[in-house]
Amino acid sequence: MSRTATSHITTNTTVHTGKGTVISLIINHSESTAQTVTLYDSLVASGAVLASFQVSPEASPKHIVFPAPYYLRFTAGLTVEPGNCAVLVTSAGS
C-alpha cells in the first residue's frame, strides 16, 4: 500500500524506506548565499544522489513540482539533506 507524506525537514531525514516518488518540494531559507538541498535514493544522507537543488536567496522560497508521469522516483528509500534550508517534501512510497 502506498503512503503519501508531506514532511517539513530541517535536518537530515529519511522520509521513506523502499520504492516511491517525490511529487513536489518547497525549499526556503534566509541565508545570504545560495544553499543546496540534496535528495538521496538511500536510507542515509550518502550514496546514490537522486537530485540536488541550489537555491539562491532571491529565489527563496522555491517551489519545484514533478508532474505525473515525471515524478522523481527512488527505489531504496528517500533521504533529504536540507543544508541550511527548510524543505517541505510531498512524496508517496511504501
N, C-alpha and C. Protein backbone atom coordinates (compact mmCIF):
# COMPACT_ATOMS: atom_id res chain seq x y z
N MET A 1 0.84 -1.18 0.00
CA MET A 1 0.00 0.00 0.00
C MET A 1 0.88 1.24 0.00
N SER A 2 0.54 2.21 -0.80
CA SER A 2 1.30 3.44 -0.91
C SER A 2 0.93 4.42 0.19
N ARG A 3 1.93 5.12 0.69
CA ARG A 3 1.74 6.10 1.75
C ARG A 3 2.22 7.45 1.24
N THR A 4 1.37 8.46 1.33
CA THR A 4 1.74 9.81 0.94
C THR A 4 2.15 10.56 2.19
N ALA A 5 3.27 11.27 2.09
CA ALA A 5 3.77 12.03 3.23
C ALA A 5 4.09 13.44 2.80
N THR A 6 3.75 14.40 3.65
CA THR A 6 4.22 15.76 3.49
C THR A 6 5.05 16.03 4.73
N SER A 7 6.33 16.24 4.53
CA SER A 7 7.26 16.35 5.64
C SER A 7 7.97 17.70 5.63
N HIS A 8 8.03 18.35 6.79
CA HIS A 8 8.78 19.58 6.96
C HIS A 8 10.14 19.18 7.52
N ILE A 9 11.20 19.41 6.75
CA ILE A 9 12.51 18.88 7.08
C ILE A 9 13.50 20.02 7.30
N THR A 10 14.23 19.97 8.42
CA THR A 10 15.28 20.95 8.70
C THR A 10 16.60 20.28 9.06
N THR A 11 16.59 18.96 9.22
CA THR A 11 17.81 18.18 9.45
C THR A 11 17.75 16.94 8.56
N ASN A 12 18.89 16.26 8.39
CA ASN A 12 18.89 15.05 7.56
C ASN A 12 17.80 14.10 8.03
N THR A 13 16.92 13.72 7.08
CA THR A 13 15.75 12.93 7.43
C THR A 13 15.48 11.87 6.37
N THR A 14 15.22 10.63 6.81
CA THR A 14 14.74 9.59 5.90
C THR A 14 13.22 9.66 5.93
N VAL A 15 12.64 9.96 4.77
CA VAL A 15 11.19 10.15 4.65
C VAL A 15 10.49 8.83 4.35
N HIS A 16 11.10 8.01 3.50
CA HIS A 16 10.51 6.72 3.10
C HIS A 16 11.59 5.65 3.07
N THR A 17 11.18 4.41 3.29
CA THR A 17 12.02 3.26 3.00
C THR A 17 11.34 2.50 1.87
N GLY A 18 12.13 1.95 0.98
CA GLY A 18 11.57 1.25 -0.18
C GLY A 18 11.28 2.19 -1.32
N LYS A 19 10.50 1.68 -2.30
CA LYS A 19 10.21 2.42 -3.53
C LYS A 19 9.20 3.54 -3.31
N GLY A 20 9.31 4.56 -4.19
CA GLY A 20 8.34 5.64 -4.14
C GLY A 20 8.67 6.76 -5.11
N THR A 21 7.98 7.86 -4.94
CA THR A 21 8.16 9.02 -5.83
C THR A 21 8.11 10.32 -5.03
N VAL A 22 8.87 11.30 -5.53
CA VAL A 22 8.80 12.65 -4.99
C VAL A 22 7.85 13.42 -5.90
N ILE A 23 6.86 14.07 -5.31
CA ILE A 23 5.85 14.80 -6.07
C ILE A 23 6.20 16.28 -6.16
N SER A 24 6.63 16.87 -5.03
CA SER A 24 7.00 18.28 -5.05
C SER A 24 7.88 18.64 -3.86
N LEU A 25 8.55 19.78 -3.98
CA LEU A 25 9.39 20.33 -2.93
C LEU A 25 9.12 21.82 -2.82
N ILE A 26 9.17 22.33 -1.61
CA ILE A 26 9.25 23.78 -1.40
C ILE A 26 10.48 23.98 -0.54
N ILE A 27 11.43 24.75 -1.06
CA ILE A 27 12.70 24.99 -0.37
C ILE A 27 12.73 26.45 0.05
N ASN A 28 13.02 26.68 1.34
CA ASN A 28 13.02 28.04 1.87
C ASN A 28 14.26 28.24 2.75
N HIS A 29 14.88 29.40 2.62
CA HIS A 29 15.98 29.74 3.53
C HIS A 29 16.13 31.25 3.59
N SER A 30 16.81 31.70 4.64
CA SER A 30 17.05 33.14 4.82
C SER A 30 18.54 33.46 4.84
N GLU A 31 19.34 32.57 4.28
CA GLU A 31 20.78 32.78 4.20
C GLU A 31 21.11 33.83 3.14
N SER A 32 22.29 34.42 3.22
CA SER A 32 22.69 35.45 2.25
C SER A 32 23.36 34.86 1.01
N THR A 33 23.64 33.56 1.03
CA THR A 33 24.24 32.89 -0.13
C THR A 33 23.36 31.71 -0.56
N ALA A 34 23.62 31.22 -1.75
CA ALA A 34 22.86 30.07 -2.26
C ALA A 34 23.05 28.86 -1.36
N GLN A 35 21.99 28.09 -1.19
CA GLN A 35 22.01 26.90 -0.35
C GLN A 35 21.64 25.68 -1.19
N THR A 36 22.15 24.52 -0.80
CA THR A 36 21.93 23.30 -1.56
C THR A 36 21.14 22.28 -0.74
N VAL A 37 20.14 21.69 -1.40
CA VAL A 37 19.36 20.59 -0.84
C VAL A 37 19.65 19.37 -1.70
N THR A 38 19.94 18.24 -1.05
CA THR A 38 20.24 17.02 -1.79
C THR A 38 19.27 15.92 -1.38
N LEU A 39 18.74 15.23 -2.37
CA LEU A 39 17.86 14.07 -2.15
C LEU A 39 18.63 12.81 -2.52
N TYR A 40 18.56 11.81 -1.67
CA TYR A 40 19.27 10.55 -1.90
C TYR A 40 18.29 9.41 -2.07
N ASP A 41 18.63 8.51 -2.99
CA ASP A 41 17.92 7.24 -3.13
C ASP A 41 18.64 6.27 -2.20
N SER A 42 18.40 6.47 -0.91
CA SER A 42 19.16 5.78 0.12
C SER A 42 18.44 5.93 1.46
N LEU A 43 18.86 5.16 2.44
CA LEU A 43 18.31 5.28 3.78
C LEU A 43 19.18 6.17 4.67
N VAL A 44 20.26 6.70 4.09
CA VAL A 44 21.15 7.63 4.78
C VAL A 44 21.51 8.77 3.82
N ALA A 45 22.06 9.84 4.36
CA ALA A 45 22.41 11.00 3.54
C ALA A 45 23.78 10.82 2.90
N SER A 46 23.89 9.76 2.11
CA SER A 46 25.08 9.49 1.31
C SER A 46 24.71 8.43 0.29
N GLY A 47 25.60 8.19 -0.65
CA GLY A 47 25.33 7.17 -1.66
C GLY A 47 24.74 7.76 -2.92
N ALA A 48 23.71 7.11 -3.43
CA ALA A 48 23.12 7.48 -4.73
C ALA A 48 22.34 8.78 -4.62
N VAL A 49 22.85 9.83 -5.29
CA VAL A 49 22.16 11.12 -5.30
C VAL A 49 21.02 11.06 -6.30
N LEU A 50 19.83 11.32 -5.82
CA LEU A 50 18.64 11.34 -6.67
C LEU A 50 18.54 12.68 -7.38
N ALA A 51 18.76 13.76 -6.64
CA ALA A 51 18.73 15.11 -7.21
C ALA A 51 19.35 16.08 -6.22
N SER A 52 19.83 17.19 -6.75
CA SER A 52 20.40 18.24 -5.92
C SER A 52 19.90 19.58 -6.46
N PHE A 53 19.49 20.46 -5.55
CA PHE A 53 18.94 21.75 -5.96
C PHE A 53 19.66 22.86 -5.20
N GLN A 54 20.13 23.85 -5.93
CA GLN A 54 20.76 25.01 -5.31
C GLN A 54 19.78 26.17 -5.43
N VAL A 55 19.49 26.81 -4.30
CA VAL A 55 18.50 27.89 -4.28
C VAL A 55 19.18 29.16 -3.79
N SER A 56 19.16 30.19 -4.63
CA SER A 56 19.74 31.48 -4.26
C SER A 56 18.80 32.21 -3.32
N PRO A 57 19.31 33.21 -2.59
CA PRO A 57 18.44 33.97 -1.69
C PRO A 57 17.27 34.63 -2.43
N GLU A 58 17.52 35.10 -3.65
CA GLU A 58 16.47 35.77 -4.43
C GLU A 58 15.37 34.82 -4.86
N ALA A 59 15.68 33.52 -4.97
CA ALA A 59 14.71 32.53 -5.44
C ALA A 59 13.98 31.83 -4.30
N SER A 60 14.31 32.18 -3.07
CA SER A 60 13.69 31.52 -1.92
C SER A 60 12.41 32.25 -1.51
N PRO A 61 11.31 31.54 -1.32
CA PRO A 61 11.13 30.09 -1.41
C PRO A 61 11.00 29.63 -2.87
N LYS A 62 11.50 28.43 -3.11
CA LYS A 62 11.48 27.82 -4.44
C LYS A 62 10.53 26.64 -4.42
N HIS A 63 9.56 26.63 -5.34
CA HIS A 63 8.59 25.53 -5.44
C HIS A 63 8.95 24.71 -6.67
N ILE A 64 9.18 23.43 -6.47
CA ILE A 64 9.56 22.52 -7.55
C ILE A 64 8.51 21.42 -7.61
N VAL A 65 7.91 21.23 -8.77
CA VAL A 65 6.86 20.21 -8.95
C VAL A 65 7.31 19.22 -10.01
N PHE A 66 7.11 17.95 -9.73
CA PHE A 66 7.39 16.87 -10.68
C PHE A 66 6.04 16.29 -11.10
N PRO A 67 5.45 16.78 -12.20
CA PRO A 67 4.11 16.32 -12.59
C PRO A 67 4.16 14.87 -13.12
N ALA A 68 3.05 14.16 -12.92
CA ALA A 68 2.94 12.80 -13.47
C ALA A 68 3.05 12.90 -14.98
N PRO A 69 3.71 12.05 -15.65
CA PRO A 69 4.41 10.85 -15.21
C PRO A 69 5.89 11.11 -14.91
N TYR A 70 6.28 12.34 -14.60
CA TYR A 70 7.68 12.69 -14.41
C TYR A 70 8.08 12.80 -12.94
N TYR A 71 7.35 12.14 -12.05
CA TYR A 71 7.72 12.12 -10.65
C TYR A 71 9.17 11.68 -10.51
N LEU A 72 9.85 12.17 -9.52
CA LEU A 72 11.21 11.77 -9.22
C LEU A 72 11.13 10.46 -8.45
N ARG A 73 11.64 9.38 -9.02
CA ARG A 73 11.46 8.04 -8.45
C ARG A 73 12.69 7.58 -7.66
N PHE A 74 12.43 6.91 -6.54
CA PHE A 74 13.50 6.31 -5.74
C PHE A 74 13.17 4.84 -5.50
N THR A 75 14.20 4.02 -5.23
CA THR A 75 13.97 2.58 -5.05
C THR A 75 14.37 2.09 -3.65
N ALA A 76 15.48 2.57 -3.11
CA ALA A 76 15.94 2.11 -1.80
C ALA A 76 15.22 2.84 -0.66
N GLY A 77 14.94 4.10 -0.89
CA GLY A 77 14.32 4.95 0.12
C GLY A 77 14.59 6.40 -0.24
N LEU A 78 14.02 7.31 0.51
CA LEU A 78 14.20 8.75 0.26
C LEU A 78 14.75 9.41 1.51
N THR A 79 15.96 9.95 1.39
CA THR A 79 16.57 10.72 2.46
C THR A 79 16.86 12.12 1.94
N VAL A 80 16.53 13.13 2.76
CA VAL A 80 16.72 14.53 2.38
C VAL A 80 17.78 15.14 3.27
N GLU A 81 18.76 15.78 2.63
CA GLU A 81 19.79 16.55 3.33
C GLU A 81 19.50 18.02 3.02
N PRO A 82 18.91 18.77 3.97
CA PRO A 82 18.43 20.11 3.65
C PRO A 82 19.46 21.23 3.70
N GLY A 83 20.67 20.95 4.16
CA GLY A 83 21.63 22.04 4.30
C GLY A 83 21.10 23.05 5.30
N ASN A 84 21.17 24.33 4.98
CA ASN A 84 20.63 25.39 5.85
C ASN A 84 19.25 25.83 5.40
N CYS A 85 18.45 24.89 4.95
CA CYS A 85 17.13 25.19 4.41
C CYS A 85 16.05 24.47 5.21
N ALA A 86 14.84 24.96 5.05
CA ALA A 86 13.65 24.23 5.49
C ALA A 86 13.02 23.70 4.21
N VAL A 87 12.72 22.41 4.17
CA VAL A 87 12.22 21.78 2.97
C VAL A 87 10.89 21.10 3.27
N LEU A 88 9.89 21.41 2.47
CA LEU A 88 8.60 20.74 2.55
C LEU A 88 8.56 19.77 1.39
N VAL A 89 8.54 18.47 1.69
CA VAL A 89 8.56 17.41 0.69
C VAL A 89 7.20 16.72 0.66
N THR A 90 6.63 16.61 -0.53
CA THR A 90 5.44 15.77 -0.71
C THR A 90 5.87 14.58 -1.54
N SER A 91 5.66 13.38 -0.99
CA SER A 91 6.12 12.16 -1.65
C SER A 91 5.18 11.02 -1.34
N ALA A 92 5.30 9.97 -2.14
CA ALA A 92 4.50 8.76 -1.94
C ALA A 92 5.45 7.58 -1.97
N GLY A 93 5.22 6.64 -1.07
CA GLY A 93 6.09 5.46 -1.02
C GLY A 93 5.45 4.36 -0.24
N SER A 94 6.18 3.26 -0.17
CA SER A 94 5.65 2.08 0.53
C SER A 94 5.96 2.15 2.01
